[in-house]
């Protein structure tokens, strides 16, 4: 399928405003409506653009899912490593020695 190329409409990226502004040439005086070739070409171009956008959207969704899975895996691994580290220690602070060491000048009976 070829890409729509017209000398009068939609040569750049499609936007709703550009599509609404399209004016197709009328058919010859002995026919009614628009030129069939121009209408067909425009419909082919619209179908091509929609397929391209759908493909891009699907790729973005797939990438989004891949990133979410990777983040969940990473979080699970980090949570598992944190749990192992917590089990290795009691989580308590080390106990301080409650007996104070006395300096030689403070020892009773000694100088």
C-alpha atoms as a PDB file:
ATOM      1  CA  UNK A   1       0.000   0.000   0.000  1.00  0.00           C
ATOM      2  CA  UNK A   2       1.405   3.297  -1.027  1.00  0.00           C
ATOM      3  CA  UNK A   3       1.379   6.466   0.937  1.00  0.00           C
ATOM      4  CA  UNK A   4      -1.139   9.134   0.059  1.00  0.00           C
ATOM      5  CA  UNK A   5       0.459  11.971  -1.838  1.00  0.00           C
ATOM      6  CA  UNK A   6      -1.675  14.808  -2.989  1.00  0.00           C
ATOM      7  CA  UNK A   7      -0.788  18.183  -4.280  1.00  0.00           C
ATOM      8  CA  UNK A   8      -3.651  19.755  -2.337  1.00  0.00           C
ATOM      9  CA  UNK A   9      -4.029  18.096   1.067  1.00  0.00           C
ATOM     10  CA  UNK A  10      -2.341  16.317   3.966  1.00  0.00           C
ATOM     11  CA  UNK A  11       1.284  16.130   2.956  1.00  0.00           C
ATOM     12  CA  UNK A  12       2.446  16.527   6.565  1.00  0.00           C
ATOM     13  CA  UNK A  13       1.549  14.678   9.761  1.00  0.00           C
ATOM     14  CA  UNK A  14      -2.172  14.223  10.261  1.00  0.00           C
ATOM     15  CA  UNK A  15      -4.003  16.171  12.908  1.00  0.00           C
ATOM     16  CA  UNK A  16      -7.757  16.469  13.455  1.00  0.00           C
ATOM     17  CA  UNK A  17      -7.640  20.096  12.304  1.00  0.00           C
ATOM     18  CA  UNK A  18      -5.818  19.227   9.089  1.00  0.00           C
ATOM     19  CA  UNK A  19      -8.239  16.416   8.286  1.00  0.00           C
ATOM     20  CA  UNK A  20     -11.210  18.719   8.895  1.00  0.00           C
ATOM     21  CA  UNK A  21      -9.711  21.295   6.539  1.00  0.00           C
ATOM     22  CA  UNK A  22      -9.318  18.890   3.593  1.00  0.00           C
ATOM     23  CA  UNK A  23     -11.193  19.927   0.480  1.00  0.00           C
ATOM     24  CA  UNK A  24     -11.303  17.164  -2.104  1.00  0.00           C
ATOM     25  CA  UNK A  25     -11.711  18.056  -5.769  1.00  0.00           C
ATOM     26  CA  UNK A  26     -15.124  17.522  -7.299  1.00  0.00           C
ATOM     27  CA  UNK A  27     -15.671  14.965 -10.027  1.00  0.00           C
ATOM     28  CA  UNK A  28     -16.248  15.914 -13.653  1.00  0.00           C
ATOM     29  CA  UNK A  29     -19.522  17.634 -14.569  1.00  0.00           C
ATOM     30  CA  UNK A  30     -21.087  14.379 -15.782  1.00  0.00           C
ATOM     31  CA  UNK A  31     -20.413  12.607 -12.438  1.00  0.00           C
ATOM     32  CA  UNK A  32     -21.627  13.346  -8.954  1.00  0.00           C
ATOM     33  CA  UNK A  33     -19.494  13.718  -5.850  1.00  0.00           C
ATOM     34  CA  UNK A  34     -15.724  13.791  -5.496  1.00  0.00           C
ATOM     35  CA  UNK A  35     -12.992  12.265  -7.586  1.00  0.00           C
ATOM     36  CA  UNK A  36     -12.853   8.623  -6.666  1.00  0.00           C
ATOM     37  CA  UNK A  37      -9.036   8.428  -6.872  1.00  0.00           C
ATOM     38  CA  UNK A  38      -8.623  11.335  -4.450  1.00  0.00           C
ATOM     39  CA  UNK A  39     -11.085   9.855  -1.949  1.00  0.00           C
ATOM     40  CA  UNK A  40      -9.465   6.410  -2.162  1.00  0.00           C
ATOM     41  CA  UNK A  41      -6.000   7.889  -1.735  1.00  0.00           C
ATOM     42  CA  UNK A  42      -7.114   9.870   1.304  1.00  0.00           C
ATOM     43  CA  UNK A  43      -8.731   6.794   2.868  1.00  0.00           C
ATOM     44  CA  UNK A  44      -5.559   4.777   2.273  1.00  0.00           C
ATOM     45  CA  UNK A  45      -3.476   7.513   3.892  1.00  0.00           C
ATOM     46  CA  UNK A  46      -5.786   7.657   6.916  1.00  0.00           C
ATOM     47  CA  UNK A  47      -5.646   3.863   7.293  1.00  0.00           C
ATOM     48  CA  UNK A  48      -1.840   3.935   7.002  1.00  0.00           C
ATOM     49  CA  UNK A  49      -1.528   6.642   9.661  1.00  0.00           C
ATOM     50  CA  UNK A  50      -3.909   4.868  12.034  1.00  0.00           C
ATOM     51  CA  UNK A  51      -2.002   1.591  11.678  1.00  0.00           C
ATOM     52  CA  UNK A  52       1.277   3.383  12.355  1.00  0.00           C
ATOM     53  CA  UNK A  53      -0.147   5.071  15.457  1.00  0.00           C
ATOM     54  CA  UNK A  54      -1.651   1.802  16.705  1.00  0.00           C
ATOM     55  CA  UNK A  55       1.708   0.087  16.230  1.00  0.00           C
ATOM     56  CA  UNK A  56       3.459   2.846  18.174  1.00  0.00           C
ATOM     57  CA  UNK A  57       0.872   2.669  20.944  1.00  0.00           C
ATOM     58  CA  UNK A  58       1.255  -1.105  21.223  1.00  0.00           C
ATOM     59  CA  UNK A  59       5.045  -0.750  21.377  1.00  0.00           C
ATOM     60  CA  UNK A  60       4.716   1.838  24.141  1.00  0.00           C
ATOM     61  CA  UNK A  61       2.339  -0.406  26.094  1.00  0.00           C
ATOM     62  CA  UNK A  62       4.676  -3.382  25.726  1.00  0.00           C
ATOM     63  CA  UNK A  63       7.627  -1.290  26.908  1.00  0.00           C
ATOM     64  CA  UNK A  64       5.556  -0.036  29.834  1.00  0.00           C
ATOM     65  CA  UNK A  65       4.745  -3.616  30.860  1.00  0.00           C
ATOM     66  CA  UNK A  66       8.396  -4.634  30.512  1.00  0.00           C
ATOM     67  CA  UNK A  67       9.499  -1.752  32.751  1.00  0.00           C
ATOM     68  CA  UNK A  68       6.820  -2.556  35.336  1.00  0.00           C
ATOM     69  CA  UNK A  69       7.906  -6.216  35.452  1.00  0.00           C
ATOM     70  CA  UNK A  70      11.551  -5.217  35.816  1.00  0.00           C
ATOM     71  CA  UNK A  71      10.673  -2.801  38.632  1.00  0.00           C
ATOM     72  CA  UNK A  72       8.628  -5.450  40.456  1.00  0.00           C
ATOM     73  CA  UNK A  73      11.479  -7.958  40.119  1.00  0.00           C
ATOM     74  CA  UNK A  74      13.990  -5.409  41.357  1.00  0.00           C
ATOM     75  CA  UNK A  75      11.770  -4.510  44.336  1.00  0.00           C
ATOM     76  CA  UNK A  76      11.305  -8.193  45.177  1.00  0.00           C
ATOM     77  CA  UNK A  77      15.040  -8.803  45.079  1.00  0.00           C
ATOM     78  CA  UNK A  78      15.700  -5.763  47.261  1.00  0.00           C
ATOM     79  CA  UNK A  79      12.989  -6.792  49.730  1.00  0.00           C
ATOM     80  CA  UNK A  80      14.462 -10.315  49.912  1.00  0.00           C
ATOM     81  CA  UNK A  81      17.982  -8.976  50.534  1.00  0.00           C
ATOM     82  CA  UNK A  82      16.673  -6.660  53.252  1.00  0.00           C
ATOM     83  CA  UNK A  83      14.843  -9.495  55.008  1.00  0.00           C
ATOM     84  CA  UNK A  84      17.992 -11.648  54.980  1.00  0.00           C
ATOM     85  CA  UNK A  85      20.023  -8.813  56.467  1.00  0.00           C
ATOM     86  CA  UNK A  86      17.451  -8.268  59.226  1.00  0.00           C
ATOM     87  CA  UNK A  87      17.463 -11.961  60.129  1.00  0.00           C
ATOM     88  CA  UNK A  88      21.252 -11.949  60.426  1.00  0.00           C
ATOM     89  CA  UNK A  89      21.118  -9.376  63.221  1.00  0.00           C
ATOM     90  CA  UNK A  90      18.748  -9.072  66.153  1.00  0.00           C
ATOM     91  CA  UNK A  91      17.941  -5.505  65.318  1.00  0.00           C
ATOM     92  CA  UNK A  92      18.897  -4.374  68.817  1.00  0.00           C
ATOM     93  CA  UNK A  93      21.536  -1.882  69.706  1.00  0.00           C
ATOM     94  CA  UNK A  94      24.630  -3.337  71.413  1.00  0.00           C
ATOM     95  CA  UNK A  95      24.415  -3.259  75.167  1.00  0.00           C
ATOM     96  CA  UNK A  96      26.550  -0.708  76.930  1.00  0.00           C
ATOM     97  CA  UNK A  97      28.711  -1.645  79.816  1.00  0.00           C
ATOM     98  CA  UNK A  98      26.906  -0.124  82.767  1.00  0.00           C
ATOM     99  CA  UNK A  99      29.927  -0.172  85.033  1.00  0.00           C
ATOM    100  CA  UNK A 100      31.834   3.064  84.727  1.00  0.00           C
ATOM    101  CA  UNK A 101      35.584   2.922  84.705  1.00  0.00           C
ATOM    102  CA  UNK A 102      37.080   5.050  87.407  1.00  0.00           C
ATOM    103  CA  UNK A 103      40.127   7.172  86.785  1.00  0.00           C
ATOM    104  CA  UNK A 104      43.140   6.574  89.078  1.00  0.00           C
ATOM    105  CA  UNK A 105      42.494   9.854  90.908  1.00  0.00           C
ATOM    106  CA  UNK A 106      38.987   8.737  91.684  1.00  0.00           C
ATOM    107  CA  UNK A 107      39.884   5.341  93.135  1.00  0.00           C
ATOM    108  CA  UNK A 108      39.167   5.364  96.886  1.00  0.00           C
ATOM    109  CA  UNK A 109      42.236   4.911  99.056  1.00  0.00           C
ATOM    110  CA  UNK A 110      44.710   5.370  96.255  1.00  0.00           C
ATOM    111  CA  UNK A 111      46.533   8.329  94.923  1.00  0.00           C
END
